[in-house]
Amino acid sequence: MPVSSLPLPCVFVSHGAPTVALEQGPTQSFWTGLGGRLAGLEAILCVSAHWLTPHPALGSAERPGTIHDFHGFPAPLYRLRYPAPGAPALAESIAGRLRGAGFQVETDATRGLDHGAWVPLRFMFPEARVPVVQLSVQMPLGPRHHFELGRALAPLRSEGVLILGSGGATHNLRDFAGQAEDAPVKSYARQFDDWLAGRVEAGDAEALLDYAGQAPEAQHNHPTPDHLLPLFVPLGAATPGRPGRVLHRGFSHGFLSLAAFEWD
């Protein structure tokens, strides 16, 4: 679909471990292809699991820095930069839109792009020319709050702004230690990932919003909800009643899903 066919789709990607940025494989190739399909965007609004605030916050820096918000990884990872421009006017406009919808919102002119944003974006848009505004996650407020954020942001899809959620379809870091990148997929992660993909394809937003009560192994996969919450913003911005599409699936380290979904 050409990007000129507005409104734009809205997308969720699982960004995996930070080392994904140093590798090449099916997920990186998928991100590259996705960016090519969406070439010509005016801007990107990226909801990252790695920016947690009490109330919604928008990055409004003109030149957001690259945040290396991780420890103990290979030195080349810390040398990577993603110098995409910011969009201060757009950030202020989005903040006003959300305030009009009843949200308490702040802007932050010092915040850079964390790895939830720049890891997938450096494959999707490697020339780093598309302006990026980052939106934070409010972990205690749950899925429906983020769904309602998405509903308020839906008009951006007709204004050339890609609504991109970046988190993890599964994310239990207690299992990270000692797991090889190509370790066999753990059954609890597969069960949840299958359920999530099925509910997306069925267009069952209510089941997704109640994932903690309905999905198999929900607590095991998400001891804290931060990495799944970015999914609910594009879900809320989607056309009501439309089923979503599974764009990509895969796993790393036996438990980290690399699933990606899209909604019209």
Protein backbone atom coordinates (compact mmCIF):
# COMPACT_ATOMS: atom_id res chain seq x y z
CA MET A 1 0.00 0.00 0.00
CA PRO A 2 1.55 3.37 -0.95
CA VAL A 3 1.90 5.83 1.88
CA SER A 4 -0.25 8.30 -0.09
CA SER A 5 -3.25 6.03 0.58
CA LEU A 6 -4.28 7.73 3.80
CA PRO A 7 -5.13 6.99 6.52
CA LEU A 8 -1.91 5.21 7.33
CA PRO A 9 -1.90 1.83 9.05
CA CYS A 10 -0.76 1.72 12.67
CA VAL A 11 1.89 -0.77 13.72
CA PHE A 12 3.29 -2.62 16.71
CA VAL A 13 6.76 -4.20 16.63
CA SER A 14 8.61 -6.29 19.19
CA HIS A 15 12.09 -4.79 19.34
CA GLY A 16 13.84 -7.74 21.00
CA ALA A 17 17.16 -7.50 22.84
CA PRO A 18 19.40 -4.47 22.15
CA THR A 19 21.88 -6.70 20.28
CA VAL A 20 19.30 -7.01 17.49
CA ALA A 21 20.76 -3.70 16.33
CA LEU A 22 24.10 -5.40 15.56
CA GLU A 23 22.67 -8.42 13.75
CA GLN A 24 21.13 -9.32 10.42
CA GLY A 25 18.34 -11.85 10.03
CA PRO A 26 14.64 -12.26 9.29
CA THR A 27 13.49 -9.61 11.77
CA GLN A 28 15.91 -6.97 10.55
CA SER A 29 14.96 -7.77 6.94
CA PHE A 30 11.29 -7.46 7.86
CA TRP A 31 11.87 -4.03 9.45
CA THR A 32 13.75 -2.88 6.34
CA GLY A 33 10.90 -4.00 4.11
CA LEU A 34 8.30 -2.38 6.34
CA GLY A 35 10.11 0.95 6.20
CA GLY A 36 10.33 0.72 2.43
CA ARG A 37 6.58 0.17 2.20
CA LEU A 38 5.97 3.24 4.36
CA ALA A 39 8.45 5.55 2.62
CA GLY A 40 7.34 9.17 2.39
CA LEU A 41 5.98 9.65 5.90
CA GLU A 42 5.68 13.12 7.37
CA ALA A 43 6.69 11.91 10.85
CA ILE A 44 6.67 8.98 13.29
CA LEU A 45 5.03 8.90 16.70
CA CYS A 46 6.81 6.06 18.54
CA VAL A 47 5.40 4.68 21.78
CA SER A 48 8.32 2.95 23.50
CA ALA A 49 8.23 0.54 26.43
CA HIS A 50 11.46 2.11 27.67
CA TRP A 51 10.08 5.51 28.62
CA LEU A 52 7.93 5.24 31.73
CA THR A 53 6.22 8.31 33.21
CA PRO A 54 3.27 8.93 35.56
CA HIS A 55 1.40 10.87 32.85
CA PRO A 56 1.78 10.83 29.05
CA ALA A 57 4.90 12.70 27.95
CA LEU A 58 6.09 13.63 24.48
CA GLY A 59 9.68 14.18 23.44
CA SER A 60 9.95 17.65 21.92
CA ALA A 61 13.70 17.97 21.29
CA GLU A 62 14.73 19.39 17.93
CA ARG A 63 17.63 16.94 17.74
CA PRO A 64 16.89 14.02 20.08
CA GLY A 65 20.01 12.15 21.17
CA THR A 66 20.50 8.39 21.02
CA ILE A 67 19.95 6.89 24.48
CA HIS A 68 21.86 3.69 25.27
CA ASP A 69 19.59 2.58 28.09
CA PHE A 70 21.15 -0.83 28.76
CA HIS A 71 24.23 -2.25 30.46
CA GLY A 72 26.71 -5.04 29.88
CA PHE A 73 26.38 -5.36 26.11
CA PRO A 74 29.13 -5.37 23.43
CA ALA A 75 31.00 -2.08 23.01
CA PRO A 76 29.96 -1.56 19.34
CA LEU A 77 26.35 -1.23 20.49
CA TYR A 78 27.18 1.90 22.45
CA ARG A 79 28.75 3.52 19.38
CA LEU A 80 25.56 3.31 17.35
CA ARG A 81 23.70 6.56 16.76
CA TYR A 82 20.33 7.31 15.19
CA PRO A 83 20.35 11.03 14.38
CA ALA A 84 16.74 11.46 13.27
CA PRO A 85 15.34 14.96 13.69
CA GLY A 86 12.67 15.69 16.23
CA ALA A 87 9.45 17.59 15.58
CA PRO A 88 8.81 20.06 18.42
CA ALA A 89 5.79 21.66 16.77
CA LEU A 90 4.21 18.27 16.16
CA ALA A 91 4.91 17.22 19.75
CA GLU A 92 3.16 20.34 21.06
CA SER A 93 0.26 19.78 18.68
CA ILE A 94 -0.14 16.17 19.85
CA ALA A 95 0.06 17.31 23.47
CA GLY A 96 -2.75 19.76 22.83
CA ARG A 97 -4.81 17.07 21.14
CA LEU A 98 -4.41 14.76 24.12
CA ARG A 99 -5.20 17.52 26.62
CA GLY A 100 -8.37 18.19 24.66
CA ALA A 101 -9.27 14.52 25.12
CA GLY A 102 -8.87 14.85 28.91
CA PHE A 103 -5.31 13.58 29.42
CA GLN A 104 -2.72 15.27 31.61
CA VAL A 105 0.26 15.64 29.27
CA GLU A 106 3.80 17.00 29.44
CA THR A 107 6.47 17.68 26.84
CA ASP A 108 10.18 17.09 27.37
CA ALA A 109 12.65 19.07 25.24
CA THR A 110 15.65 17.11 26.59
CA ARG A 111 14.51 13.52 26.03
CA GLY A 112 16.31 11.51 23.34
CA LEU A 113 15.30 8.29 21.60
CA ASP A 114 15.71 5.13 23.67
CA HIS A 115 16.51 1.76 22.15
CA GLY A 116 12.84 0.82 21.94
CA ALA A 117 12.62 3.51 19.27
CA TRP A 118 15.99 3.59 17.54
CA VAL A 119 16.68 -0.14 17.25
CA PRO A 120 13.78 -0.87 14.85
CA LEU A 121 13.87 2.60 13.26
CA ARG A 122 17.49 2.33 12.17
CA PHE A 123 16.43 -0.62 9.99
CA MET A 124 13.09 0.82 8.92
CA PHE A 125 14.46 4.26 8.00
CA PRO A 126 18.27 3.93 7.93
CA GLU A 127 18.84 7.42 6.52
CA ALA A 128 17.26 8.85 9.72
CA ARG A 129 15.49 11.63 7.83
CA VAL A 130 11.93 11.11 9.09
CA PRO A 131 11.19 13.21 12.20
CA VAL A 132 10.46 11.17 15.32
CA VAL A 133 8.38 12.11 18.36
CA GLN A 134 8.46 9.64 21.24
CA LEU A 135 5.47 9.04 23.55
CA SER A 136 5.91 7.52 27.02
CA VAL A 137 4.09 4.62 28.70
CA GLN A 138 2.20 4.79 32.01
CA MET A 139 2.67 1.33 33.48
CA PRO A 140 0.19 1.58 36.42
CA LEU A 141 -2.64 2.83 34.19
CA GLY A 142 -3.02 -0.35 32.16
CA PRO A 143 -4.16 -1.35 28.68
CA ARG A 144 -7.40 0.62 28.43
CA HIS A 145 -5.68 3.91 29.23
CA HIS A 146 -3.26 3.31 26.35
CA PHE A 147 -6.11 2.19 24.09
CA GLU A 148 -7.87 5.50 24.78
CA LEU A 149 -4.65 7.37 24.02
CA GLY A 150 -4.67 5.62 20.66
CA ARG A 151 -8.26 6.61 20.00
CA ALA A 152 -7.40 10.25 20.65
CA LEU A 153 -4.38 10.01 18.35
CA ALA A 154 -6.17 8.26 15.46
CA PRO A 155 -6.55 11.47 13.35
CA LEU A 156 -2.75 11.57 13.00
CA ARG A 157 -3.05 8.65 10.59
CA SER A 158 -4.66 10.99 8.06
CA GLU A 159 -1.93 13.58 8.58
CA GLY A 160 1.02 11.46 7.43
CA VAL A 161 2.11 10.42 10.94
CA LEU A 162 2.88 6.74 11.56
CA ILE A 163 1.70 5.54 14.97
CA LEU A 164 4.28 2.93 15.96
CA GLY A 165 4.23 0.95 19.20
CA SER A 166 7.52 -0.68 20.16
CA GLY A 167 7.70 -3.21 22.97
CA GLY A 168 7.60 -6.98 23.18
CA ALA A 169 4.83 -9.49 22.56
CA THR A 170 6.53 -11.55 25.27
CA HIS A 171 9.01 -10.17 27.79
CA ASN A 172 10.16 -12.11 30.85
CA LEU A 173 13.79 -11.11 31.42
CA ARG A 174 14.11 -13.57 34.28
CA ASP A 175 14.75 -16.16 31.56
CA PHE A 176 17.38 -14.13 29.73
CA ALA A 177 20.50 -15.34 31.56
CA GLY A 178 22.31 -18.13 29.78
CA GLN A 179 19.87 -18.38 26.87
CA ALA A 180 21.54 -18.56 23.47
CA GLU A 181 20.07 -16.37 20.76
CA ASP A 182 18.85 -19.49 18.91
CA ALA A 183 17.64 -21.38 22.01
CA PRO A 184 14.48 -23.50 21.58
CA VAL A 185 11.29 -21.53 22.12
CA LYS A 186 9.79 -22.04 25.56
CA SER A 187 6.25 -23.38 25.56
CA TYR A 188 4.86 -20.63 27.78
CA ALA A 189 6.12 -17.97 25.36
CA ARG A 190 4.76 -19.80 22.32
CA GLN A 191 1.33 -20.19 23.91
CA PHE A 192 0.99 -16.51 24.68
CA ASP A 193 2.39 -15.43 21.32
CA ASP A 194 -0.07 -17.69 19.48
CA TRP A 195 -2.99 -16.35 21.52
CA LEU A 196 -1.96 -12.75 20.89
CA ALA A 197 -1.63 -13.26 17.14
CA GLY A 198 -5.00 -15.01 17.04
CA ARG A 199 -6.80 -12.20 18.88
CA VAL A 200 -5.19 -9.57 16.65
CA GLU A 201 -6.32 -11.39 13.52
CA ALA A 202 -9.81 -11.86 14.95
CA GLY A 203 -10.14 -8.15 15.66
CA ASP A 204 -10.95 -8.98 19.28
CA ALA A 205 -9.90 -5.76 20.99
CA GLU A 206 -11.79 -6.58 24.19
CA ALA A 207 -9.95 -9.86 24.66
CA LEU A 208 -6.64 -8.12 24.05
CA LEU A 209 -7.50 -5.46 26.62
CA ASP A 210 -8.22 -8.27 29.10
CA TYR A 211 -5.09 -10.25 28.17
CA ALA A 212 -4.13 -10.61 31.84
CA GLY A 213 -7.37 -12.50 32.50
CA GLN A 214 -7.74 -14.39 29.23
CA ALA A 215 -4.35 -15.16 27.69
CA PRO A 216 -2.47 -18.34 28.59
CA GLU A 217 0.64 -17.76 30.71
CA ALA A 218 -0.01 -14.00 30.77
CA GLN A 219 1.80 -13.33 34.05
CA HIS A 220 4.70 -15.60 33.09
CA ASN A 221 5.25 -13.67 29.85
CA HIS A 222 4.63 -10.22 31.30
CA PRO A 223 5.55 -10.04 35.01
CA THR A 224 5.23 -6.30 34.44
CA PRO A 225 3.09 -4.92 31.59
CA ASP A 226 5.45 -2.25 30.25
CA HIS A 227 6.47 -4.09 27.07
CA LEU A 228 2.93 -4.99 26.03
CA LEU A 229 1.35 -1.59 26.74
CA PRO A 230 2.73 0.03 23.54
CA LEU A 231 0.56 -2.41 21.56
CA PHE A 232 -2.63 -0.83 22.85
CA VAL A 233 -1.94 2.62 21.39
CA PRO A 234 -1.96 1.48 17.72
CA LEU A 235 -4.81 -0.89 18.59
CA GLY A 236 -6.83 2.08 19.86
CA ALA A 237 -5.91 4.17 16.82
CA ALA A 238 -7.14 1.44 14.44
CA THR A 239 -10.46 1.61 12.65
CA PRO A 240 -12.98 0.07 15.13
CA GLY A 241 -14.02 -3.46 14.28
CA ARG A 242 -11.29 -4.06 11.72
CA PRO A 243 -9.15 -7.17 12.27
CA GLY A 244 -5.42 -6.70 12.46
CA ARG A 245 -2.72 -8.48 10.49
CA VAL A 246 0.30 -10.45 11.64
CA LEU A 247 3.25 -8.99 9.76
CA HIS A 248 6.08 -10.99 11.29
CA ARG A 249 6.75 -13.67 13.86
CA GLY A 250 9.85 -15.14 15.40
CA PHE A 251 11.72 -15.59 18.68
CA SER A 252 15.14 -14.87 20.09
CA HIS A 253 16.77 -16.39 23.19
CA GLY A 254 13.89 -18.88 23.46
CA PHE A 255 11.42 -16.50 25.07
CA LEU A 256 11.53 -13.05 23.41
CA SER A 257 8.87 -12.78 20.74
CA LEU A 258 9.70 -10.66 17.70
CA ALA A 259 6.08 -10.48 16.53
CA ALA A 260 4.77 -7.46 14.65
CA PHE A 261 1.17 -6.49 13.90
CA GLU A 262 -0.60 -3.92 11.74
CA TRP A 263 -4.08 -2.41 11.79
CA ASP A 264 -5.98 -0.27 9.29
